[in-house]
Each structure stands twice: as structure tokens, then as C-alpha cells.
Amino acid sequence: MPLTEQQTSARKSPDPDARIARARAARTAVPLAGHAEFPSPVRRADPLTLLARQDAGRVPELRPLRYGRMAVSPLAYFRGAALPAAADLALTPRTGFTVQACGDAQLANFGLSTAQGRRLVFDFADFDETLPAPWEWDVKRLAASFEVAGREFGHPPAMRRRAVLAAAESYRQAMHDFARRTTLDIFFAPADARTLRVVAAHRLGPARRPAPGPHRFTEIRDGRLCLAARGPLVVPAGRLAGDGDPATLTDRLDAVLAKYRRTLGPARRALLDRYRLADAARTVSGPGDAGTRCWVVLLVRTGTGDPLFLQLKEAGPSVLQEYTGAAAAKGGPGRRVVAGQRRIQATGDVFLGWARAAGFGGGAREFHVRRLRDGRDAGEVPAMTPEVLRAHARLYGWTVARAHARTGDALAIAAYLGSGPAFAEAIREFAVSCADQNERDHAALRQAIRLGHVAAAAGA
């Protein structure tokens, strides 16, 4: 995306005084209170029209599943409405400071996982929409998700307010902390251990089901590990009709893996070469992704049968692209996702890569590939007490700030945010207005389904 003169100057000049001066000028142009603004209905694009536009190119039989999932509740709708959210955010004030944004920084797109050494880490879990964009867009999307979730969990307004303020204040305080650190300190900064323990205790405590990990997709059949048939959410490759000849589907996926292999470094290629493709299944992930092509592939170690699970997920243009003025990603959408993930994710994935392949849905498709780890709760939004929701908000706000500090100008953003509560209060107002509109949009979707204007199907 072309940089503004302000951003180009900021990157060339390390002078702290100059960067702070630019931040103060931005605060004059865009006062902190201005972030409370949410677009009026007359300015907004019709969300159902935007969602329908995304249906082009998706697997036809899975499109109704997407709408069925989004219709379940306002929170489910919010999770699937990344494009309408981007359209709304594009109408809000911009400070002019760009970061590598997640693009869909809502509470279902974070999760706990186990890194090397069995170390528990918390980070972003979804990168499909990542793109250089205004830092405030991630913060607003995040804060609104806590207001929507608080309503879903039946929390009173005062408790919801505290959670939203916690997310915004955590972001502001973390950015001030990062502004004083070196680049390497920011890169390796760990999350607050006390807050992480609260979040982990809720998500992994005795009241929660044991994390099934990738094996939730599997079963033992004829004495060997295979991918299970749990349609329509998990459909083994051999049972699929459509997307080309089912008899050649495994071969086409093998070709995708061969192209993906070329995007790995020599050591990682050597590691991958110890495995062979044993099975593959099409899966359906979150509400907004239903209809895009997503595969789980089971590879086994030659000689031992040790399993390795990879996810091949279709990549398209980011929902932010048309609203940021960004050119099409160099190297394609798959590479865009991988490059963005590497920039904002604290703990890297050694199997991360991308591929472009033909033979799916009548044309060439882009995929990003990653290891399917024991992401213990990515995508789940378990019910939380107000106190636990607030702990999540603090951790999420800090995590977003770390990603932005790694890829943007932490000093300038911190100087813009200032030392008082004005920014957090403005974000709280935005979140309430966004949640109100989200409920109206959800009701409009349900009405369109009842009238037969939108086809929807139930699905877990």
C-alpha cells in the first residue's frame, strides 16, 4: 500500500521529537474523542449485499451453512461479518499511522496453543485478513467484540463497559511501555503472567473439555489413523462430489503440497520430506469462512507412522484491501497471509507456507498452509463471567499492541494516545454503537432468511 508523506517521513527519521510532534499534530486533526464516531445508517453499505458479494467463488453447497451459522446469534453474526466491519471502519477517522493489522481482531481469533518445549502461548490464531492498515481499526474491532460478547453472556451494561475499557486501556498502556523499549525487547516481550494464568485457568480448567487437538478430525479405521467423516463439517476427499473429479482430488492436493514445499527453507523442506500424504478431508472453519476451501491433510512419517497435520486454507484478498488503497498483494493472497502472520505472530510456525494451484472450482486458487496444532481453543468463545471477560480483554489488548509495536511506530502511537482515559472512553462509545448496529444487522439477516431471500442451513 502506498505510504503517506507522514508515514514515509516517520520511517526515515529516528528523531523521537519529530515523531512525537507528528503524533500531536495527528491528535489535533483527529481528536481522541473522535474515535467514538460510528457511521450513520445512511452512510453505511448494505451488509447483506457485501456478504453476498463474498459468495462468488465459494463452494456452492457450503454457502447456506455460512448464513445458518451467522444467524444463530448476534455474536455469531459479528464473527462472520468481517467485510461489513471493514466497510464501517473505513468511514471512521484515521490518524495516519499504519501497522500490520490483523484485519479481524475480534475475540474468537485469538487462542492458546503449546509452543516448542510445551510452553503455553497466547496469540492471534487467524490471519486471513492481515494487511497494512490503520492501527485503530484493530482496536475498534476488538473492543466491539467484547461489547457484543458481554451482551451474549448476559452481562449488565456496567460490566460490559469495564471489559471494553480494559481492552482499550490495556492497549494504550502497553503501547506506552513498548514505546520505551528497544526493537528486540518488543519482539520478544512476554505476556503478563498473572493475566495469562487467569485466561488459561478459564479455558483449560476442570470445567472445560479436554482439548482434542487435531485428533478431533480423526478415527481409527482398519487399524490405521484416518480422517473421519463428519459431514458437512469434515468430509474426506474420497467422498466429495464437486470441486473437480473426486478420484483425482488427493492427487491435486498432493500437487498443492509440492508447490507449498518450495516456499519452505532447506531445513524445513528436509523435515517435511520425512512425511508422506496419507489422507485429506475438507473442513469448515469459522462462520465467515464457510464456503472457502479449507483442507486438513494427514501426513505420516515413513517407517514409524507418526502423524503430522497441516491445514490448507484458501486465501483471497483481505477484506481491508479496497478500503486501504492497497494494491493487490505481491506474490498473491497466500503469500500475503504468510508474510503478515510472520510479522505479527510472536511464536512462529515452522511449517508456514503458501501455494497456488489450479483444478479447484474451475480456476486457480491460492492457499496458505500451516501446521494444525493443538490450538486449544482458537475459534471458541466460551461463556465467561464479567471478571474473566475483563481478564481476556486486558490480554487481548496487550497482544494487539505488541503486534502493532512490532510493525509500526510505537512511540508515535503512544504519544497520540496520551496519558488519560479519553481514548478508552471514545472506544467504549464506538463499541456500544457498533454492537447496537450489529444486532440490527443480525435481525436483518434472519428476516432475509425467513423471507427466502437468503438460503441458510443449520450446522454445528
Protein backbone atom coordinates (compact mmCIF):
# COMPACT_ATOMS: atom_id res chain seq x y z
CA MET A 1 0.00 0.00 0.00
CA PRO A 2 1.39 3.48 -0.83
CA LEU A 3 2.61 5.26 2.28
CA THR A 4 1.53 8.77 3.11
CA GLU A 5 4.15 11.50 3.27
CA GLN A 6 3.78 11.49 7.07
CA GLN A 7 4.41 7.74 7.30
CA THR A 8 7.37 7.82 4.90
CA SER A 9 8.94 10.64 6.88
CA ALA A 10 8.39 8.76 10.15
CA ARG A 11 10.21 5.71 8.83
CA LYS A 12 13.16 7.75 7.57
CA SER A 13 13.53 9.86 10.70
CA PRO A 14 14.51 8.22 14.00
CA ASP A 15 14.26 11.57 15.81
CA PRO A 16 11.89 10.99 18.75
CA ASP A 17 10.94 14.67 18.99
CA ALA A 18 9.88 14.75 15.36
CA ARG A 19 7.80 11.60 15.76
CA ILE A 20 6.10 12.95 18.88
CA ALA A 21 5.39 16.21 17.09
CA ARG A 22 3.72 14.34 14.24
CA ALA A 23 1.63 12.41 16.77
CA ARG A 24 0.47 15.62 18.41
CA ALA A 25 -0.42 17.06 15.01
CA ALA A 26 -2.45 13.91 14.33
CA ARG A 27 -4.29 14.38 17.62
CA THR A 28 -5.21 17.91 16.58
CA ALA A 29 -6.52 16.64 13.23
CA VAL A 30 -8.26 13.61 14.79
CA PRO A 31 -9.11 14.30 18.46
CA LEU A 32 -9.27 11.29 20.73
CA ALA A 33 -12.99 11.83 21.25
CA GLY A 34 -13.47 11.44 17.51
CA HIS A 35 -12.92 7.71 17.76
CA ALA A 36 -16.37 7.39 19.30
CA GLU A 37 -17.86 8.01 15.86
CA PHE A 38 -19.75 5.15 14.23
CA PRO A 39 -21.10 5.60 10.68
CA SER A 40 -24.74 6.60 10.39
CA PRO A 41 -27.09 4.19 8.58
CA VAL A 42 -27.29 6.46 5.52
CA ARG A 43 -23.52 6.27 5.04
CA ARG A 44 -23.16 2.53 5.51
CA ALA A 45 -23.07 -0.02 2.72
CA ASP A 46 -25.77 -2.68 2.95
CA PRO A 47 -24.14 -5.54 4.90
CA LEU A 48 -26.14 -8.29 3.22
CA THR A 49 -25.02 -7.03 -0.17
CA LEU A 50 -21.42 -7.12 0.97
CA LEU A 51 -21.79 -10.65 2.34
CA ALA A 52 -23.42 -11.83 -0.89
CA ARG A 53 -20.51 -10.40 -2.84
CA GLN A 54 -18.18 -12.76 -0.97
CA ASP A 55 -20.19 -15.79 -2.11
CA ALA A 56 -18.68 -15.67 -5.58
CA GLY A 57 -16.10 -18.40 -5.90
CA ARG A 58 -17.11 -20.20 -2.70
CA VAL A 59 -18.19 -23.83 -2.66
CA PRO A 60 -21.92 -23.58 -3.53
CA GLU A 61 -23.17 -26.29 -1.16
CA LEU A 62 -21.43 -24.62 1.79
CA ARG A 63 -22.79 -21.10 1.31
CA PRO A 64 -26.05 -21.80 3.19
CA LEU A 65 -24.02 -23.17 6.09
CA ARG A 66 -22.28 -19.83 6.41
CA TYR A 67 -25.56 -17.93 6.76
CA GLY A 68 -27.03 -20.57 9.03
CA ARG A 69 -24.11 -20.16 11.38
CA MET A 70 -24.20 -16.37 11.31
CA ALA A 71 -27.93 -16.35 12.03
CA VAL A 72 -27.53 -18.21 15.33
CA SER A 73 -26.85 -15.10 17.43
CA PRO A 74 -25.55 -11.52 17.20
CA LEU A 75 -22.12 -12.77 18.30
CA ALA A 76 -22.05 -15.41 15.56
CA TYR A 77 -23.08 -12.75 13.04
CA PHE A 78 -20.34 -10.41 14.28
CA ARG A 79 -17.73 -13.13 13.83
CA GLY A 80 -18.71 -13.70 10.22
CA ALA A 81 -19.15 -10.07 9.21
CA ALA A 82 -15.51 -9.03 8.71
CA LEU A 83 -16.23 -7.34 5.37
CA PRO A 84 -19.15 -5.20 6.61
CA ALA A 85 -16.97 -4.30 9.63
CA ALA A 86 -14.16 -3.18 7.34
CA ALA A 87 -16.60 -1.07 5.34
CA ASP A 88 -17.77 0.62 8.55
CA LEU A 89 -14.24 1.19 9.86
CA ALA A 90 -13.24 2.82 6.59
CA LEU A 91 -15.78 5.59 7.34
CA THR A 92 -14.23 6.40 10.73
CA PRO A 93 -11.41 8.91 11.40
CA ARG A 94 -7.82 7.85 10.66
CA THR A 95 -4.73 9.10 12.44
CA GLY A 96 -2.39 8.27 9.56
CA PHE A 97 -0.17 5.72 11.33
CA THR A 98 -0.06 2.32 9.67
CA VAL A 99 0.74 -1.08 11.19
CA GLN A 100 0.49 -4.66 10.05
CA ALA A 101 -3.11 -5.13 11.14
CA CYS A 102 -4.71 -8.45 11.93
CA GLY A 103 -7.69 -7.24 9.93
CA ASP A 104 -10.22 -9.17 12.01
CA ALA A 105 -9.04 -8.69 15.59
CA GLN A 106 -12.13 -10.00 17.35
CA LEU A 107 -12.09 -12.21 20.40
CA ALA A 108 -12.67 -15.51 18.55
CA ASN A 109 -9.48 -15.00 16.53
CA PHE A 110 -7.08 -15.45 19.44
CA GLY A 111 -6.16 -18.61 21.24
CA LEU A 112 -3.87 -20.62 23.48
CA SER A 113 -1.50 -23.16 21.99
CA THR A 114 1.53 -25.14 23.00
CA ALA A 115 4.84 -23.98 21.56
CA GLN A 116 8.16 -25.79 21.49
CA GLY A 117 9.12 -27.10 24.90
CA ARG A 118 5.41 -27.47 25.76
CA ARG A 119 5.33 -23.78 26.62
CA LEU A 120 1.81 -22.32 26.70
CA VAL A 121 1.50 -19.22 24.50
CA PHE A 122 -1.34 -16.86 23.68
CA ASP A 123 -1.52 -15.08 20.35
CA PHE A 124 -3.52 -14.35 17.23
CA ALA A 125 -4.99 -17.52 15.74
CA ASP A 126 -6.37 -16.19 12.45
CA PHE A 127 -4.54 -14.13 9.85
CA ASP A 128 -6.77 -14.36 6.78
CA GLU A 129 -7.38 -10.61 6.58
CA THR A 130 -3.97 -9.30 7.67
CA LEU A 131 -2.78 -6.22 5.78
CA PRO A 132 -1.02 -2.91 6.46
CA ALA A 133 -3.83 -0.68 7.73
CA PRO A 134 -4.67 1.98 10.35
CA TRP A 135 -3.87 0.73 13.86
CA GLU A 136 -7.18 2.00 15.23
CA TRP A 137 -9.19 -0.43 13.09
CA ASP A 138 -7.92 -3.46 15.00
CA VAL A 139 -8.58 -1.76 18.34
CA LYS A 140 -12.15 -0.82 17.43
CA ARG A 141 -12.99 -4.27 16.07
CA LEU A 142 -11.53 -5.85 19.20
CA ALA A 143 -13.39 -3.57 21.63
CA ALA A 144 -16.70 -4.05 19.82
CA SER A 145 -16.31 -7.83 20.04
CA PHE A 146 -16.17 -7.59 23.84
CA GLU A 147 -19.33 -5.49 23.96
CA VAL A 148 -21.11 -7.99 21.69
CA ALA A 149 -19.83 -10.95 23.72
CA GLY A 150 -20.82 -9.34 27.01
CA ARG A 151 -24.38 -8.98 25.74
CA GLU A 152 -24.34 -12.61 24.58
CA PHE A 153 -23.27 -13.74 28.06
CA GLY A 154 -25.95 -11.63 29.76
CA HIS A 155 -23.56 -9.22 31.46
CA PRO A 156 -25.10 -5.94 32.70
CA PRO A 157 -24.07 -2.69 30.95
CA ALA A 158 -21.65 -1.65 33.72
CA MET A 159 -19.76 -4.93 33.45
CA ARG A 160 -19.62 -4.72 29.67
CA ARG A 161 -18.30 -1.19 29.98
CA ARG A 162 -15.48 -2.34 32.24
CA ALA A 163 -14.46 -5.09 29.80
CA VAL A 164 -14.35 -2.73 26.80
CA LEU A 165 -12.42 -0.13 28.77
CA ALA A 166 -10.00 -2.84 29.89
CA ALA A 167 -9.22 -3.78 26.28
CA ALA A 168 -8.66 -0.17 25.19
CA GLU A 169 -6.69 0.80 28.30
CA SER A 170 -4.54 -2.31 28.08
CA TYR A 171 -3.68 -1.37 24.51
CA ARG A 172 -2.82 2.21 25.47
CA GLN A 173 -0.72 1.25 28.48
CA ALA A 174 1.10 -1.48 26.57
CA MET A 175 1.89 0.92 23.73
CA HIS A 176 3.43 3.38 26.20
CA ASP A 177 5.52 0.53 27.59
CA PHE A 178 6.63 -0.58 24.13
CA ALA A 179 7.50 3.00 23.17
CA ARG A 180 10.24 2.89 25.82
CA ARG A 181 11.65 -0.47 24.74
CA THR A 182 14.17 -1.48 22.11
CA THR A 183 13.09 -3.25 18.95
CA LEU A 184 14.37 -6.60 20.24
CA ASP A 185 12.65 -6.10 23.60
CA ILE A 186 9.35 -5.59 21.80
CA PHE A 187 9.92 -8.60 19.57
CA PHE A 188 10.46 -10.96 22.50
CA ALA A 189 8.08 -9.35 25.02
CA PRO A 190 6.12 -11.96 27.04
CA ALA A 191 2.53 -11.52 28.13
CA ASP A 192 1.73 -10.66 31.74
CA ALA A 193 1.97 -13.97 33.57
CA ARG A 194 -0.84 -13.23 36.04
CA THR A 195 -3.36 -12.32 33.33
CA LEU A 196 -2.30 -15.29 31.22
CA ARG A 197 -2.91 -17.62 34.17
CA VAL A 198 -6.46 -16.27 34.60
CA VAL A 199 -7.23 -16.80 30.92
CA ALA A 200 -5.62 -20.25 30.85
CA ALA A 201 -7.46 -21.34 34.01
CA HIS A 202 -10.78 -20.45 32.41
CA ARG A 203 -10.08 -22.03 29.04
CA LEU A 204 -8.24 -25.12 30.26
CA GLY A 205 -9.71 -25.60 33.75
CA PRO A 206 -11.54 -28.70 35.03
CA ALA A 207 -14.91 -27.38 33.88
CA ARG A 208 -13.69 -27.34 30.27
CA ARG A 209 -13.49 -30.31 27.98
CA PRO A 210 -10.00 -31.67 27.33
CA ALA A 211 -8.55 -30.09 24.22
CA PRO A 212 -8.93 -32.61 21.39
CA GLY A 213 -6.32 -31.00 19.13
CA PRO A 214 -6.03 -32.18 15.52
CA HIS A 215 -7.22 -35.65 16.50
CA ARG A 216 -10.77 -34.28 16.65
CA PHE A 217 -10.74 -34.86 12.89
CA THR A 218 -9.62 -38.49 13.08
CA GLU A 219 -10.74 -42.03 13.72
CA ILE A 220 -9.12 -45.46 13.67
CA ARG A 221 -10.29 -47.43 10.65
CA ASP A 222 -8.94 -50.86 9.67
CA GLY A 223 -6.23 -50.44 12.26
CA ARG A 224 -4.85 -47.15 10.97
CA LEU A 225 -5.37 -43.46 11.67
CA CYS A 226 -7.69 -41.79 9.15
CA LEU A 227 -9.64 -38.58 8.82
CA ALA A 228 -13.22 -39.12 9.92
CA ALA A 229 -16.41 -38.36 8.01
CA ARG A 230 -18.46 -35.84 9.99
CA GLY A 231 -20.32 -34.04 7.23
CA PRO A 232 -20.83 -31.37 6.38
CA LEU A 233 -18.04 -30.09 8.65
CA VAL A 234 -15.47 -32.81 7.88
CA VAL A 235 -15.73 -34.67 4.56
CA PRO A 236 -12.90 -36.99 3.46
CA ALA A 237 -11.59 -36.28 -0.02
CA GLY A 238 -12.83 -39.56 -1.43
CA ARG A 239 -16.44 -38.75 -0.53
CA LEU A 240 -16.66 -35.32 -2.11
CA ALA A 241 -18.66 -34.54 -5.19
CA GLY A 242 -17.74 -31.31 -6.93
CA ASP A 243 -14.51 -29.29 -6.95
CA GLY A 244 -13.33 -31.45 -9.80
CA ASP A 245 -13.13 -35.20 -10.16
CA PRO A 246 -13.16 -36.81 -6.67
CA ALA A 247 -10.88 -39.55 -7.96
CA THR A 248 -8.13 -37.03 -8.63
CA LEU A 249 -8.69 -34.79 -5.61
CA THR A 250 -5.96 -36.35 -3.47
CA ASP A 251 -3.54 -36.04 -6.38
CA ARG A 252 -4.40 -32.36 -6.76
CA LEU A 253 -3.87 -31.77 -3.06
CA ASP A 254 -0.55 -33.57 -3.32
CA ALA A 255 0.35 -31.09 -6.08
CA VAL A 256 -0.55 -28.21 -3.76
CA LEU A 257 1.77 -29.66 -1.13
CA ALA A 258 4.56 -29.96 -3.70
CA LYS A 259 4.24 -26.26 -4.58
CA TYR A 260 3.96 -25.34 -0.92
CA ARG A 261 7.18 -27.25 -0.24
CA ARG A 262 9.09 -24.80 -2.46
CA THR A 263 8.20 -21.92 -0.13
CA LEU A 264 9.98 -23.56 2.81
CA GLY A 265 13.66 -23.18 3.60
CA PRO A 266 16.05 -26.12 3.08
CA ALA A 267 15.88 -27.36 6.69
CA ARG A 268 12.09 -27.23 6.75
CA ARG A 269 11.83 -28.95 3.38
CA ALA A 270 14.04 -31.74 4.71
CA LEU A 271 11.71 -32.08 7.72
CA LEU A 272 8.59 -32.18 5.52
CA ASP A 273 10.19 -34.74 3.21
CA ARG A 274 10.15 -37.28 6.02
CA TYR A 275 6.36 -37.45 5.70
CA ARG A 276 4.00 -38.65 3.00
CA LEU A 277 0.37 -37.74 2.35
CA ALA A 278 -1.93 -40.35 3.89
CA ASP A 279 -5.38 -38.74 3.92
CA ALA A 280 -7.21 -35.45 3.34
CA ALA A 281 -10.59 -34.00 4.25
CA ARG A 282 -12.42 -30.77 3.55
CA THR A 283 -13.37 -28.90 6.72
CA VAL A 284 -15.43 -25.86 7.60
CA SER A 285 -13.91 -23.34 10.00
CA GLY A 286 -15.46 -20.15 11.40
CA PRO A 287 -18.78 -18.50 10.42
CA GLY A 288 -17.18 -16.13 7.95
CA ASP A 289 -15.04 -18.79 6.27
CA ALA A 290 -17.75 -21.33 5.42
CA GLY A 291 -17.68 -21.86 1.69
CA THR A 292 -13.99 -21.19 1.22
CA ARG A 293 -11.87 -24.24 0.58
CA CYS A 294 -10.20 -25.49 3.72
CA TRP A 295 -8.47 -28.84 3.97
CA VAL A 296 -6.90 -30.84 6.74
CA VAL A 297 -4.24 -33.18 5.43
CA LEU A 298 -2.81 -36.05 7.42
CA LEU A 299 0.80 -36.88 6.69
CA VAL A 300 2.60 -39.80 8.28
CA ARG A 301 6.28 -40.35 8.93
CA THR A 302 7.68 -43.03 6.67
CA GLY A 303 8.51 -46.10 8.69
CA THR A 304 7.01 -45.02 12.02
CA GLY A 305 3.55 -43.72 11.08
CA ASP A 306 3.90 -40.64 13.32
CA PRO A 307 1.24 -38.14 12.23
CA LEU A 308 1.63 -34.54 11.09
CA PHE A 309 -1.50 -32.47 10.46
CA LEU A 310 -1.43 -29.50 8.10
CA GLN A 311 -4.21 -27.07 7.24
CA LEU A 312 -4.52 -25.88 3.65
CA LYS A 313 -6.77 -22.85 3.68
CA GLU A 314 -7.92 -20.89 0.68
CA ALA A 315 -6.68 -17.30 0.65
CA GLY A 316 -8.30 -14.37 -1.10
CA PRO A 317 -7.94 -10.60 -0.98
CA SER A 318 -8.11 -9.12 2.51
CA VAL A 319 -11.44 -7.50 3.40
CA LEU A 320 -9.38 -4.37 4.14
CA GLN A 321 -7.84 -4.11 0.69
CA GLU A 322 -10.39 -1.94 -1.07
CA TYR A 323 -10.63 0.38 1.94
CA THR A 324 -6.91 0.99 2.42
CA GLY A 325 -5.98 1.75 -1.17
CA ALA A 326 -3.61 -1.21 -1.10
CA ALA A 327 -2.52 -2.77 -4.35
CA ALA A 328 -3.01 -6.49 -4.84
CA ALA A 329 -0.56 -8.39 -2.66
CA LYS A 330 2.74 -9.10 -4.38
CA GLY A 331 3.05 -12.84 -4.81
CA GLY A 332 -0.66 -13.42 -4.24
CA PRO A 333 -3.05 -13.67 -1.28
CA GLY A 334 -1.43 -16.81 0.13
CA ARG A 335 1.91 -15.10 0.42
CA ARG A 336 0.21 -12.03 1.90
CA VAL A 337 -1.26 -14.10 4.73
CA VAL A 338 2.05 -15.82 5.44
CA ALA A 339 4.06 -12.59 5.41
CA GLY A 340 1.55 -10.89 7.70
CA GLN A 341 1.46 -13.83 10.09
CA ARG A 342 5.22 -13.86 10.36
CA ARG A 343 5.22 -10.17 11.22
CA ILE A 344 2.60 -10.17 13.96
CA GLN A 345 2.70 -13.66 15.48
CA ALA A 346 5.12 -13.92 18.38
CA THR A 347 5.72 -17.68 18.13
CA GLY A 348 6.40 -18.74 14.57
CA ASP A 349 5.17 -21.85 12.75
CA VAL A 350 7.97 -23.80 11.09
CA PHE A 351 5.53 -25.26 8.56
CA LEU A 352 4.09 -21.93 7.42
CA GLY A 353 3.97 -21.51 3.64
CA TRP A 354 1.74 -20.95 0.63
CA ALA A 355 0.86 -22.35 -2.79
CA ARG A 356 -1.12 -21.53 -5.92
CA ALA A 357 -2.83 -24.38 -7.74
CA ALA A 358 -5.41 -24.99 -10.45
CA GLY A 359 -8.20 -27.54 -10.55
CA PHE A 360 -10.37 -26.24 -7.71
CA GLY A 361 -13.71 -24.66 -8.54
CA GLY A 362 -12.83 -24.09 -12.17
CA GLY A 363 -9.77 -21.89 -11.67
CA ALA A 364 -6.52 -21.25 -9.89
CA ARG A 365 -6.74 -20.93 -6.10
CA GLU A 366 -4.37 -19.54 -3.51
CA PHE A 367 -3.73 -21.43 -0.27
CA HIS A 368 -1.80 -20.69 2.87
CA VAL A 369 -0.53 -23.69 4.76
CA ARG A 370 0.23 -24.06 8.43
CA ARG A 371 0.58 -26.77 10.98
CA LEU A 372 -2.67 -27.72 12.65
CA ARG A 373 -1.52 -27.60 16.24
CA ASP A 374 -3.35 -28.30 19.45
CA GLY A 375 -4.79 -24.76 19.23
CA ARG A 376 -6.64 -25.40 22.42
CA ASP A 377 -9.48 -23.02 21.92
CA ALA A 378 -8.95 -20.96 18.79
CA GLY A 379 -12.36 -20.09 17.40
CA GLU A 380 -14.24 -20.99 20.57
CA VAL A 381 -15.94 -18.30 22.61
CA PRO A 382 -16.81 -19.99 25.89
CA ALA A 383 -19.18 -18.22 28.26
CA MET A 384 -17.30 -16.06 30.73
CA THR A 385 -18.04 -14.27 33.96
CA PRO A 386 -17.55 -10.48 33.85
CA GLU A 387 -14.23 -10.84 35.69
CA VAL A 388 -12.90 -13.46 33.28
CA LEU A 389 -14.09 -11.47 30.27
CA ARG A 390 -12.21 -8.46 31.61
CA ALA A 391 -9.03 -10.53 32.03
CA HIS A 392 -9.37 -11.65 28.41
CA ALA A 393 -9.83 -8.04 27.35
CA ARG A 394 -6.59 -7.00 29.05
CA LEU A 395 -4.64 -9.85 27.46
CA TYR A 396 -6.13 -9.26 24.01
CA GLY A 397 -5.47 -5.52 24.14
CA TRP A 398 -1.85 -6.16 25.10
CA THR A 399 -1.43 -8.73 22.32
CA VAL A 400 -2.73 -6.35 19.67
CA ALA A 401 -0.43 -3.60 20.98
CA ARG A 402 2.59 -5.90 20.75
CA ALA A 403 1.80 -6.72 17.12
CA HIS A 404 1.36 -3.04 16.29
CA ALA A 405 4.54 -2.03 18.13
CA ARG A 406 6.49 -4.67 16.19
CA THR A 407 5.28 -3.38 12.83
CA GLY A 408 4.52 0.32 13.36
CA ASP A 409 5.77 3.37 15.24
CA ALA A 410 5.08 2.62 18.91
CA LEU A 411 6.37 6.00 20.07
CA ALA A 412 4.11 7.94 17.72
CA ILE A 413 1.03 5.87 18.57
CA ALA A 414 1.75 6.18 22.31
CA ALA A 415 2.20 9.93 22.01
CA TYR A 416 -1.06 10.18 20.12
CA LEU A 417 -2.93 8.15 22.76
CA GLY A 418 -1.70 10.31 25.62
CA SER A 419 -1.87 9.50 29.31
CA GLY A 420 -5.56 9.91 30.14
CA PRO A 421 -8.74 7.86 29.68
CA ALA A 422 -10.14 9.86 26.73
CA PHE A 423 -9.21 7.28 24.09
CA ALA A 424 -10.65 4.35 26.04
CA GLU A 425 -13.90 6.22 26.67
CA ALA A 426 -14.23 7.04 22.97
CA ILE A 427 -13.61 3.42 22.02
CA ARG A 428 -16.27 2.34 24.53
CA GLU A 429 -18.83 4.60 22.84
CA PHE A 430 -17.85 3.23 19.46
CA ALA A 431 -18.20 -0.35 20.74
CA VAL A 432 -21.71 0.28 22.07
CA SER A 433 -22.85 1.87 18.79
CA CYS A 434 -21.25 -0.95 16.81
CA ALA A 435 -22.94 -3.61 18.95
CA ASP A 436 -26.31 -1.87 18.54
CA GLN A 437 -25.88 -1.85 14.76
CA ASN A 438 -24.66 -5.45 14.82
CA GLU A 439 -27.93 -6.51 16.45
CA ARG A 440 -29.91 -4.72 13.74
CA ASP A 441 -27.79 -6.33 11.01
CA HIS A 442 -28.26 -9.76 12.58
CA ALA A 443 -32.01 -9.22 12.70
CA ALA A 444 -31.95 -8.17 9.03
CA LEU A 445 -30.16 -11.40 8.11
CA ARG A 446 -32.69 -13.51 9.99
CA GLN A 447 -35.52 -11.64 8.29
CA ALA A 448 -33.95 -12.23 4.86
CA ILE A 449 -33.69 -15.95 5.68
CA ARG A 450 -37.34 -16.10 6.78
CA LEU A 451 -38.45 -14.38 3.57
CA GLY A 452 -36.41 -16.77 1.45
CA HIS A 453 -34.06 -14.08 0.15
CA VAL A 454 -31.04 -15.81 1.71
CA ALA A 455 -30.57 -19.58 1.79
CA ALA A 456 -29.39 -20.88 5.15
CA ALA A 457 -28.68 -24.33 6.57
CA ALA A 458 -28.13 -25.46 10.13
CA GLY A 459 -24.68 -26.72 11.04
CA ALA A 460 -22.51 -27.09 14.12
